[in-house]
Amino acid sequence: ALALALLLQLVVLPAVCFGIVVLFGLSPAYAI
């Protein structure tokens, strides 16, 4: 459980967020 939570928190979510930023074409300030 600890390993799954840390993997999601530290690796998966930033990667998913980057995809959402690109998908919606957010401005630089909102993307950051």
PDB file of all heavy atoms in Angstrom:
ATOM      1  N   ALA A   1       0.828  -1.208   0.000  1.00  0.00           N
ATOM      2  CA  ALA A   1       0.000   0.000   0.000  1.00  0.00           C
ATOM      3  C   ALA A   1       0.862   1.258   0.000  1.00  0.00           C
ATOM      4  O   ALA A   1       0.599   2.217  -0.736  1.00  0.00           O
ATOM      5  CB  ALA A   1      -0.925  -0.010   1.219  1.00  0.00           C
ATOM      6  N   LEU A   2       1.897   1.255   0.819  1.00  0.00           N
ATOM      7  CA  LEU A   2       2.800   2.409   0.877  1.00  0.00           C
ATOM      8  C   LEU A   2       3.498   2.612  -0.461  1.00  0.00           C
ATOM      9  O   LEU A   2       3.607   3.747  -0.956  1.00  0.00           O
ATOM     10  CB  LEU A   2       3.829   2.207   1.985  1.00  0.00           C
ATOM     11  CG  LEU A   2       3.314   2.261   3.427  1.00  0.00           C
ATOM     12  CD1 LEU A   2       4.417   1.859   4.399  1.00  0.00           C
ATOM     13  CD2 LEU A   2       2.793   3.644   3.754  1.00  0.00           C
ATOM     14  N   ALA A   3       3.966   1.522  -1.066  1.00  0.00           N
ATOM     15  CA  ALA A   3       4.679   1.621  -2.346  1.00  0.00           C
ATOM     16  C   ALA A   3       3.759   2.154  -3.441  1.00  0.00           C
ATOM     17  O   ALA A   3       4.162   3.012  -4.241  1.00  0.00           O
ATOM     18  CB  ALA A   3       5.240   0.257  -2.738  1.00  0.00           C
ATOM     19  N   LEU A   4       2.515   1.654  -3.499  1.00  0.00           N
ATOM     20  CA  LEU A   4       1.571   2.122  -4.510  1.00  0.00           C
ATOM     21  C   LEU A   4       1.277   3.602  -4.339  1.00  0.00           C
ATOM     22  O   LEU A   4       1.288   4.374  -5.320  1.00  0.00           O
ATOM     23  CB  LEU A   4       0.270   1.318  -4.425  1.00  0.00           C
ATOM     24  CG  LEU A   4      -0.855   1.786  -5.365  1.00  0.00           C
ATOM     25  CD1 LEU A   4      -0.443   1.622  -6.817  1.00  0.00           C
ATOM     26  CD2 LEU A   4      -2.151   1.022  -5.070  1.00  0.00           C
ATOM     27  N   ALA A   5       1.023   4.022  -3.104  1.00  0.00           N
ATOM     28  CA  ALA A   5       0.699   5.425  -2.854  1.00  0.00           C
ATOM     29  C   ALA A   5       1.852   6.345  -3.240  1.00  0.00           C
ATOM     30  O   ALA A   5       1.644   7.399  -3.860  1.00  0.00           O
ATOM     31  CB  ALA A   5       0.338   5.622  -1.382  1.00  0.00           C
ATOM     32  N   LEU A   6       3.075   5.961  -2.896  1.00  0.00           N
ATOM     33  CA  LEU A   6       4.236   6.794  -3.214  1.00  0.00           C
ATOM     34  C   LEU A   6       4.497   6.827  -4.718  1.00  0.00           C
ATOM     35  O   LEU A   6       4.875   7.872  -5.269  1.00  0.00           O
ATOM     36  CB  LEU A   6       5.468   6.292  -2.455  1.00  0.00           C
ATOM     37  CG  LEU A   6       5.418   6.447  -0.931  1.00  0.00           C
ATOM     38  CD1 LEU A   6       6.661   5.851  -0.296  1.00  0.00           C
ATOM     39  CD2 LEU A   6       5.278   7.913  -0.548  1.00  0.00           C
ATOM     40  N   LEU A   7       4.296   5.701  -5.404  1.00  0.00           N
ATOM     41  CA  LEU A   7       4.469   5.675  -6.850  1.00  0.00           C
ATOM     42  C   LEU A   7       3.478   6.613  -7.535  1.00  0.00           C
ATOM     43  O   LEU A   7       3.846   7.389  -8.434  1.00  0.00           O
ATOM     44  CB  LEU A   7       4.277   4.250  -7.369  1.00  0.00           C
ATOM     45  CG  LEU A   7       4.341   4.073  -8.897  1.00  0.00           C
ATOM     46  CD1 LEU A   7       5.734   4.402  -9.414  1.00  0.00           C
ATOM     47  CD2 LEU A   7       3.942   2.648  -9.284  1.00  0.00           C
ATOM     48  N   LEU A   8       2.232   6.571  -7.093  1.00  0.00           N
ATOM     49  CA  LEU A   8       1.219   7.450  -7.669  1.00  0.00           C
ATOM     50  C   LEU A   8       1.537   8.910  -7.381  1.00  0.00           C
ATOM     51  O   LEU A   8       1.468   9.768  -8.268  1.00  0.00           O
ATOM     52  CB  LEU A   8      -0.162   7.092  -7.115  1.00  0.00           C
ATOM     53  CG  LEU A   8      -0.783   5.778  -7.594  1.00  0.00           C
ATOM     54  CD1 LEU A   8      -2.025   5.454  -6.792  1.00  0.00           C
ATOM     55  CD2 LEU A   8      -1.118   5.858  -9.074  1.00  0.00           C
ATOM     56  N   GLN A   9       1.883   9.189  -6.139  1.00  0.00           N
ATOM     57  CA  GLN A   9       2.104  10.570  -5.709  1.00  0.00           C
ATOM     58  C   GLN A   9       3.320  11.203  -6.380  1.00  0.00           C
ATOM     59  O   GLN A   9       3.264  12.351  -6.839  1.00  0.00           O
ATOM     60  CB  GLN A   9       2.274  10.610  -4.183  1.00  0.00           C
ATOM     61  CG  GLN A   9       2.589  11.982  -3.612  1.00  0.00           C
ATOM     62  CD  GLN A   9       1.407  12.909  -3.714  1.00  0.00           C
ATOM     63  OE1 GLN A   9       0.278  12.528  -3.433  1.00  0.00           O
ATOM     64  NE2 GLN A   9       1.645  14.149  -4.104  1.00  0.00           N
ATOM     65  N   LEU A  10       4.412  10.468  -6.451  1.00  0.00           N
ATOM     66  CA  LEU A  10       5.684  11.057  -6.878  1.00  0.00           C
ATOM     67  C   LEU A  10       5.934  10.946  -8.380  1.00  0.00           C
ATOM     68  O   LEU A  10       6.679  11.764  -8.938  1.00  0.00           O
ATOM     69  CB  LEU A  10       6.838  10.395  -6.120  1.00  0.00           C
ATOM     70  CG  LEU A  10       6.805  10.535  -4.600  1.00  0.00           C
ATOM     71  CD1 LEU A  10       7.936   9.750  -3.973  1.00  0.00           C
ATOM     72  CD2 LEU A  10       6.877  12.001  -4.187  1.00  0.00           C
ATOM     73  N   VAL A  11       5.335   9.952  -9.040  1.00  0.00           N
ATOM     74  CA  VAL A  11       5.650   9.707 -10.452  1.00  0.00           C
ATOM     75  C   VAL A  11       4.425   9.857 -11.355  1.00  0.00           C
ATOM     76  O   VAL A  11       4.438  10.622 -12.324  1.00  0.00           O
ATOM     77  CB  VAL A  11       6.264   8.301 -10.639  1.00  0.00           C
ATOM     78  CG1 VAL A  11       6.565   8.049 -12.117  1.00  0.00           C
ATOM     79  CG2 VAL A  11       7.525   8.148  -9.795  1.00  0.00           C
ATOM     80  N   VAL A  12       3.360   9.108 -11.035  1.00  0.00           N
ATOM     81  CA  VAL A  12       2.226   9.031 -11.942  1.00  0.00           C
ATOM     82  C   VAL A  12       1.475  10.359 -12.034  1.00  0.00           C
ATOM     83  O   VAL A  12       1.174  10.846 -13.143  1.00  0.00           O
ATOM     84  CB  VAL A  12       1.269   7.906 -11.513  1.00  0.00           C
ATOM     85  CG1 VAL A  12       0.015   7.907 -12.388  1.00  0.00           C
ATOM     86  CG2 VAL A  12       1.972   6.562 -11.591  1.00  0.00           C
ATOM     87  N   LEU A  13       1.166  10.977 -10.889  1.00  0.00           N
ATOM     88  CA  LEU A  13       0.357  12.191 -10.921  1.00  0.00           C
ATOM     89  C   LEU A  13       1.025  13.360 -11.640  1.00  0.00           C
ATOM     90  O   LEU A  13       0.368  14.045 -12.441  1.00  0.00           O
ATOM     91  CB  LEU A  13      -0.046  12.604  -9.506  1.00  0.00           C
ATOM     92  CG  LEU A  13      -1.144  11.765  -8.854  1.00  0.00           C
ATOM     93  CD1 LEU A  13      -1.610  12.404  -7.567  1.00  0.00           C
ATOM     94  CD2 LEU A  13      -2.320  11.576  -9.803  1.00  0.00           C
ATOM     95  N   PRO A  14       2.317  13.630 -11.402  1.00  0.00           N
ATOM     96  CA  PRO A  14       2.937  14.702 -12.208  1.00  0.00           C
ATOM     97  C   PRO A  14       2.892  14.424 -13.704  1.00  0.00           C
ATOM     98  O   PRO A  14       2.673  15.336 -14.504  1.00  0.00           O
ATOM     99  CB  PRO A  14       4.386  14.725 -11.674  1.00  0.00           C
ATOM    100  CG  PRO A  14       4.271  14.243 -10.269  1.00  0.00           C
ATOM    101  CD  PRO A  14       3.208  13.181 -10.321  1.00  0.00           C
ATOM    102  N   ALA A  15       3.068  13.142 -14.093  1.00  0.00           N
ATOM    103  CA  ALA A  15       3.001  12.791 -15.512  1.00  0.00           C
ATOM    104  C   ALA A  15       1.591  12.988 -16.059  1.00  0.00           C
ATOM    105  O   ALA A  15       1.400  13.532 -17.162  1.00  0.00           O
ATOM    106  CB  ALA A  15       3.454  11.342 -15.712  1.00  0.00           C
ATOM    107  N   VAL A  16       0.579  12.555 -15.305  1.00  0.00           N
ATOM    108  CA  VAL A  16      -0.807  12.747 -15.717  1.00  0.00           C
ATOM    109  C   VAL A  16      -1.138  14.229 -15.807  1.00  0.00           C
ATOM    110  O   VAL A  16      -1.809  14.681 -16.751  1.00  0.00           O
ATOM    111  CB  VAL A  16      -1.761  12.038 -14.734  1.00  0.00           C
ATOM    112  CG1 VAL A  16      -3.210  12.453 -14.987  1.00  0.00           C
ATOM    113  CG2 VAL A  16      -1.625  10.525 -14.853  1.00  0.00           C
ATOM    114  N   CYS A  17      -0.673  14.995 -14.844  1.00  0.00           N
ATOM    115  CA  CYS A  17      -0.929  16.436 -14.833  1.00  0.00           C
ATOM    116  C   CYS A  17      -0.317  17.103 -16.062  1.00  0.00           C
ATOM    117  O   CYS A  17      -0.929  17.995 -16.664  1.00  0.00           O
ATOM    118  CB  CYS A  17      -0.376  17.048 -13.553  1.00  0.00           C
ATOM    119  SG  CYS A  17      -0.747  18.800 -13.372  1.00  0.00           S
ATOM    120  N   PHE A  18       0.877  16.684 -16.432  1.00  0.00           N
ATOM    121  CA  PHE A  18       1.512  17.240 -17.630  1.00  0.00           C
ATOM    122  C   PHE A  18       0.643  16.966 -18.858  1.00  0.00           C
ATOM    123  O   PHE A  18       0.462  17.833 -19.722  1.00  0.00           O
ATOM    124  CB  PHE A  18       2.898  16.641 -17.827  1.00  0.00           C
ATOM    125  CG  PHE A  18       3.645  17.196 -19.011  1.00  0.00           C
ATOM    126  CD1 PHE A  18       4.343  18.391 -18.906  1.00  0.00           C
ATOM    127  CD2 PHE A  18       3.624  16.539 -20.227  1.00  0.00           C
ATOM    128  CE1 PHE A  18       5.019  18.914 -19.993  1.00  0.00           C
ATOM    129  CE2 PHE A  18       4.290  17.042 -21.336  1.00  0.00           C
ATOM    130  CZ  PHE A  18       4.997  18.241 -21.214  1.00  0.00           C
ATOM    131  N   GLY A  19       0.085  15.756 -18.940  1.00  0.00           N
ATOM    132  CA  GLY A  19      -0.802  15.427 -20.049  1.00  0.00           C
ATOM    133  C   GLY A  19      -2.046  16.303 -20.066  1.00  0.00           C
ATOM    134  O   GLY A  19      -2.500  16.744 -21.134  1.00  0.00           O
ATOM    135  N   ILE A  20      -2.614  16.574 -18.878  1.00  0.00           N
ATOM    136  CA  ILE A  20      -3.795  17.438 -18.795  1.00  0.00           C
ATOM    137  C   ILE A  20      -3.453  18.863 -19.222  1.00  0.00           C
ATOM    138  O   ILE A  20      -4.224  19.525 -19.926  1.00  0.00           O
ATOM    139  CB  ILE A  20      -4.363  17.411 -17.359  1.00  0.00           C
ATOM    140  CG1 ILE A  20      -4.964  16.030 -17.066  1.00  0.00           C
ATOM    141  CG2 ILE A  20      -5.412  18.506 -17.165  1.00  0.00           C
ATOM    142  CD1 ILE A  20      -5.437  15.853 -15.636  1.00  0.00           C
ATOM    143  N   VAL A  21      -2.293  19.351 -18.786  1.00  0.00           N
ATOM    144  CA  VAL A  21      -1.844  20.692 -19.171  1.00  0.00           C
ATOM    145  C   VAL A  21      -1.760  20.814 -20.692  1.00  0.00           C
ATOM    146  O   VAL A  21      -2.219  21.802 -21.285  1.00  0.00           O
ATOM    147  CB  VAL A  21      -0.476  20.991 -18.519  1.00  0.00           C
ATOM    148  CG1 VAL A  21       0.191  22.186 -19.190  1.00  0.00           C
ATOM    149  CG2 VAL A  21      -0.650  21.249 -17.033  1.00  0.00           C
ATOM    150  N   VAL A  22      -1.159  19.811 -21.326  1.00  0.00           N
ATOM    151  CA  VAL A  22      -1.024  19.827 -22.785  1.00  0.00           C
ATOM    152  C   VAL A  22      -2.393  19.683 -23.456  1.00  0.00           C
ATOM    153  O   VAL A  22      -2.701  20.368 -24.443  1.00  0.00           O
ATOM    154  CB  VAL A  22      -0.074  18.700 -23.244  1.00  0.00           C
ATOM    155  CG1 VAL A  22      -0.061  18.596 -24.768  1.00  0.00           C
ATOM    156  CG2 VAL A  22       1.329  18.945 -22.713  1.00  0.00           C
ATOM    157  N   LEU A  23      -3.239  18.799 -22.908  1.00  0.00           N
ATOM    158  CA  LEU A  23      -4.563  18.556 -23.484  1.00  0.00           C
ATOM    159  C   LEU A  23      -5.406  19.821 -23.526  1.00  0.00           C
ATOM    160  O   LEU A  23      -6.068  20.113 -24.535  1.00  0.00           O
ATOM    161  CB  LEU A  23      -5.283  17.467 -22.684  1.00  0.00           C
ATOM    162  CG  LEU A  23      -6.735  17.161 -23.077  1.00  0.00           C
ATOM    163  CD1 LEU A  23      -6.782  16.567 -24.480  1.00  0.00           C
ATOM    164  CD2 LEU A  23      -7.378  16.222 -22.060  1.00  0.00           C
ATOM    165  N   PHE A  24      -5.379  20.587 -22.437  1.00  0.00           N
ATOM    166  CA  PHE A  24      -6.200  21.794 -22.351  1.00  0.00           C
ATOM    167  C   PHE A  24      -5.476  23.036 -22.875  1.00  0.00           C
ATOM    168  O   PHE A  24      -6.093  24.105 -22.951  1.00  0.00           O
ATOM    169  CB  PHE A  24      -6.639  22.034 -20.906  1.00  0.00           C
ATOM    170  CG  PHE A  24      -7.752  21.124 -20.457  1.00  0.00           C
ATOM    171  CD1 PHE A  24      -7.478  19.897 -19.879  1.00  0.00           C
ATOM    172  CD2 PHE A  24      -9.080  21.483 -20.624  1.00  0.00           C
ATOM    173  CE1 PHE A  24      -8.489  19.047 -19.466  1.00  0.00           C
ATOM    174  CE2 PHE A  24     -10.105  20.651 -20.222  1.00  0.00           C
ATOM    175  CZ  PHE A  24      -9.814  19.426 -19.644  1.00  0.00           C
ATOM    176  N   GLY A  25      -4.199  22.903 -23.218  1.00  0.00           N
ATOM    177  CA  GLY A  25      -3.456  24.046 -23.737  1.00  0.00           C
ATOM    178  C   GLY A  25      -3.395  25.207 -22.771  1.00  0.00           C
ATOM    179  O   GLY A  25      -3.600  26.369 -23.165  1.00  0.00           O
ATOM    180  N   LEU A  26      -3.134  24.929 -21.500  1.00  0.00           N
ATOM    181  CA  LEU A  26      -3.128  25.975 -20.488  1.00  0.00           C
ATOM    182  C   LEU A  26      -2.014  26.985 -20.731  1.00  0.00           C
ATOM    183  O   LEU A  26      -0.970  26.662 -21.305  1.00  0.00           O
ATOM    184  CB  LEU A  26      -2.966  25.363 -19.090  1.00  0.00           C
ATOM    185  CG  LEU A  26      -4.088  24.436 -18.605  1.00  0.00           C
ATOM    186  CD1 LEU A  26      -3.805  23.976 -17.181  1.00  0.00           C
ATOM    187  CD2 LEU A  26      -5.452  25.120 -18.684  1.00  0.00           C
ATOM    188  N   SER A  27      -2.242  28.195 -20.274  1.00  0.00           N
ATOM    189  CA  SER A  27      -1.221  29.230 -20.367  1.00  0.00           C
ATOM    190  C   SER A  27      -0.021  28.824 -19.516  1.00  0.00           C
ATOM    191  O   SER A  27      -0.148  27.982 -18.607  1.00  0.00           O
ATOM    192  CB  SER A  27      -1.775  30.556 -19.858  1.00  0.00           C
ATOM    193  OG  SER A  27      -2.025  30.494 -18.463  1.00  0.00           O
ATOM    194  N   PRO A  28       1.168  29.404 -19.777  1.00  0.00           N
ATOM    195  CA  PRO A  28       2.359  29.025 -18.995  1.00  0.00           C
ATOM    196  C   PRO A  28       2.162  29.147 -17.490  1.00  0.00           C
ATOM    197  O   PRO A  28       2.565  28.251 -16.738  1.00  0.00           O
ATOM    198  CB  PRO A  28       3.425  29.990 -19.509  1.00  0.00           C
ATOM    199  CG  PRO A  28       3.015  30.269 -20.919  1.00  0.00           C
ATOM    200  CD  PRO A  28       1.513  30.303 -20.894  1.00  0.00           C
ATOM    201  N   ALA A  29       1.550  30.234 -17.028  1.00  0.00           N
ATOM    202  CA  ALA A  29       1.374  30.429 -15.593  1.00  0.00           C
ATOM    203  C   ALA A  29       0.475  29.354 -14.998  1.00  0.00           C
ATOM    204  O   ALA A  29       0.781  28.774 -13.939  1.00  0.00           O
ATOM    205  CB  ALA A  29       0.794  31.815 -15.310  1.00  0.00           C
ATOM    206  N   TYR A  30      -0.643  29.054 -15.662  1.00  0.00           N
ATOM    207  CA  TYR A  30      -1.554  28.033 -15.165  1.00  0.00           C
ATOM    208  C   TYR A  30      -0.914  26.643 -15.233  1.00  0.00           C
ATOM    209  O   TYR A  30      -1.122  25.810 -14.344  1.00  0.00           O
ATOM    210  CB  TYR A  30      -2.857  28.037 -15.966  1.00  0.00           C
ATOM    211  CG  TYR A  30      -3.728  29.245 -15.747  1.00  0.00           C
ATOM    212  CD1 TYR A  30      -4.825  29.498 -16.569  1.00  0.00           C
ATOM    213  CD2 TYR A  30      -3.463  30.152 -14.720  1.00  0.00           C
ATOM    214  CE1 TYR A  30      -5.636  30.602 -16.371  1.00  0.00           C
ATOM    215  CE2 TYR A  30      -4.261  31.257 -14.523  1.00  0.00           C
ATOM    216  CZ  TYR A  30      -5.350  31.487 -15.347  1.00  0.00           C
ATOM    217  OH  TYR A  30      -6.147  32.577 -15.156  1.00  0.00           O
ATOM    218  N   ALA A  31      -0.142  26.392 -16.296  1.00  0.00           N
ATOM    219  CA  ALA A  31       0.521  25.097 -16.441  1.00  0.00           C
ATOM    220  C   ALA A  31       1.515  24.877 -15.298  1.00  0.00           C
ATOM    221  O   ALA A  31       1.542  23.801 -14.679  1.00  0.00           O
ATOM    222  CB  ALA A  31       1.246  25.027 -17.786  1.00  0.00           C
ATOM    223  N   ILE A  32       2.323  25.878 -15.003  1.00  0.00           N
ATOM    224  CA  ILE A  32       3.300  25.770 -13.913  1.00  0.00           C
ATOM    225  C   ILE A  32       2.585  25.597 -12.580  1.00  0.00           C
ATOM    226  O   ILE A  32       2.954  24.747 -11.757  1.00  0.00           O
ATOM    227  CB  ILE A  32       4.207  27.012 -13.888  1.00  0.00           C
ATOM    228  CG1 ILE A  32       5.077  27.057 -15.147  1.00  0.00           C
ATOM    229  CG2 ILE A  32       5.093  27.018 -12.637  1.00  0.00           C
ATOM    230  CD1 ILE A  32       5.815  28.361 -15.332  1.00  0.00           C
TER     231      ILE A  32
END
